[in-house]
Each structure stands twice: as structure tokens, then as C-alpha cells.
Amino acid sequence: MTTGPAPICMWCTHLRQDKTDWPPACDAYPHGIPEPIMDSDVDHRQPYAGDNDIQFAPADQEAAEYAEFLFSEPAAVADEVA
């Protein structure tokens, strides 16, 4: 099984506290966070269809830095990892 990076949702102030829900829910997506966001295929710091005008709000500075790292230019990520 291949896994990708943890979604920024896990460190968002809008995430619903009942983490036993599947799919996870938040204020933007009360019936489940869309797969492209959970798979980190899209940057939900920007508007995304159906998000009710609610985007990622980092819980703390570390969360903000992780989101920036996750969605920075691929070359910058490669340099950071190397």
C-alpha cells in the first residue's frame, strides 16, 4: 500500500473533533472532506468547489509551515529533502 503526505486537514481549525468519522468532516465539508483534498492533490488554502467559502486555517505555526512545505514548488521540496 502506498501512502502520501498527511493532508493539511489534520492540522486545520475547521476539522471536526470526532476523528472516528470516515470520511473525516470539517466545517467546510460537514458530510466528508473530498478525496482530492484528503490526498493532497489540491491546496485547500485556496477555494475549492463546495467548501462554503471556508478554507484551511492552520491550528498553529507548525501547521502553517507544513502546508507551505507541502504545496511549495516541487524543486523547492526536492532541495529541502536532499
Protein backbone atom coordinates (compact mmCIF):
# COMPACT_ATOMS: atom_id res chain seq x y z
CA MET A 1 0.00 0.00 0.00
CA THR A 2 1.35 3.41 -0.98
CA THR A 3 0.67 6.36 1.25
CA GLY A 4 1.18 10.01 0.51
CA PRO A 5 1.72 13.01 2.69
CA ALA A 6 -0.67 13.64 5.57
CA PRO A 7 -3.42 16.03 4.48
CA ILE A 8 -3.26 19.55 5.88
CA CYS A 9 -6.80 18.91 7.16
CA MET A 10 -5.37 17.12 10.18
CA TRP A 11 -3.99 20.46 11.44
CA CYS A 12 -6.88 22.72 10.47
CA THR A 13 -9.00 24.61 12.97
CA HIS A 14 -12.10 23.61 10.97
CA LEU A 15 -11.62 19.84 11.36
CA ARG A 16 -14.45 18.23 13.29
CA GLN A 17 -13.23 16.79 16.56
CA ASP A 18 -14.83 13.35 16.14
CA LYS A 19 -11.91 11.77 14.33
CA THR A 20 -13.68 8.40 14.22
CA ASP A 21 -15.83 9.68 11.35
CA TRP A 22 -14.98 8.34 7.93
CA PRO A 23 -14.56 10.17 5.76
CA PRO A 24 -13.31 12.94 8.04
CA ALA A 25 -15.54 16.01 8.16
CA CYS A 26 -14.99 19.70 8.76
CA ASP A 27 -16.87 22.98 8.79
CA ALA A 28 -16.33 23.33 5.02
CA TYR A 29 -17.40 19.75 4.28
CA PRO A 30 -19.68 18.52 7.07
CA HIS A 31 -20.51 15.32 5.16
CA GLY A 32 -16.94 14.36 4.37
CA ILE A 33 -13.82 16.04 3.03
CA PRO A 34 -13.39 15.42 -0.73
CA GLU A 35 -10.77 12.89 -1.73
CA PRO A 36 -8.62 15.36 -3.75
CA ILE A 37 -8.16 17.43 -0.59
CA MET A 38 -7.50 14.40 1.62
CA ASP A 39 -4.99 13.08 -0.94
CA SER A 40 -3.21 16.49 -1.01
CA ASP A 41 -3.89 16.70 -4.76
CA VAL A 42 -5.27 20.22 -4.26
CA ASP A 43 -4.20 23.03 -1.95
CA HIS A 44 -7.20 23.86 0.21
CA ARG A 45 -5.61 27.11 1.30
CA GLN A 46 -7.35 28.20 -1.91
CA PRO A 47 -11.12 27.95 -2.60
CA TYR A 48 -12.33 24.55 -3.75
CA ALA A 49 -15.74 23.54 -5.07
CA GLY A 50 -18.39 23.22 -2.38
CA ASP A 51 -16.25 24.48 0.51
CA ASN A 52 -18.83 27.08 1.60
CA ASP A 53 -16.12 29.77 1.44
CA ILE A 54 -14.13 28.01 4.20
CA GLN A 55 -10.51 27.09 3.55
CA PHE A 56 -7.61 25.66 5.57
CA ALA A 57 -6.89 27.63 8.74
CA PRO A 58 -3.72 26.35 10.42
CA ALA A 59 -4.03 25.37 14.07
CA ASP A 60 -0.55 26.70 14.80
CA GLN A 61 2.67 27.92 13.17
CA GLU A 62 3.92 24.37 12.59
CA ALA A 63 0.72 23.57 10.67
CA ALA A 64 1.17 26.68 8.52
CA GLU A 65 4.77 25.71 7.77
CA TYR A 66 3.76 22.14 6.88
CA ALA A 67 1.12 23.41 4.44
CA GLU A 68 3.64 25.77 2.87
CA PHE A 69 6.15 22.92 2.51
CA LEU A 70 3.53 20.50 1.15
CA PHE A 71 2.38 22.88 -1.58
CA SER A 72 5.65 24.62 -2.43
CA GLU A 73 7.22 24.22 -5.84
CA PRO A 74 8.44 20.64 -6.48
CA ALA A 75 12.03 21.85 -6.99
CA ALA A 76 11.98 23.56 -3.61
CA VAL A 77 10.68 20.39 -1.95
CA ALA A 78 13.38 18.31 -3.63
CA ASP A 79 16.05 20.75 -2.39
CA GLU A 80 14.63 20.61 1.14
CA VAL A 81 14.64 16.79 1.20
CA ALA A 82 18.16 16.47 -0.31
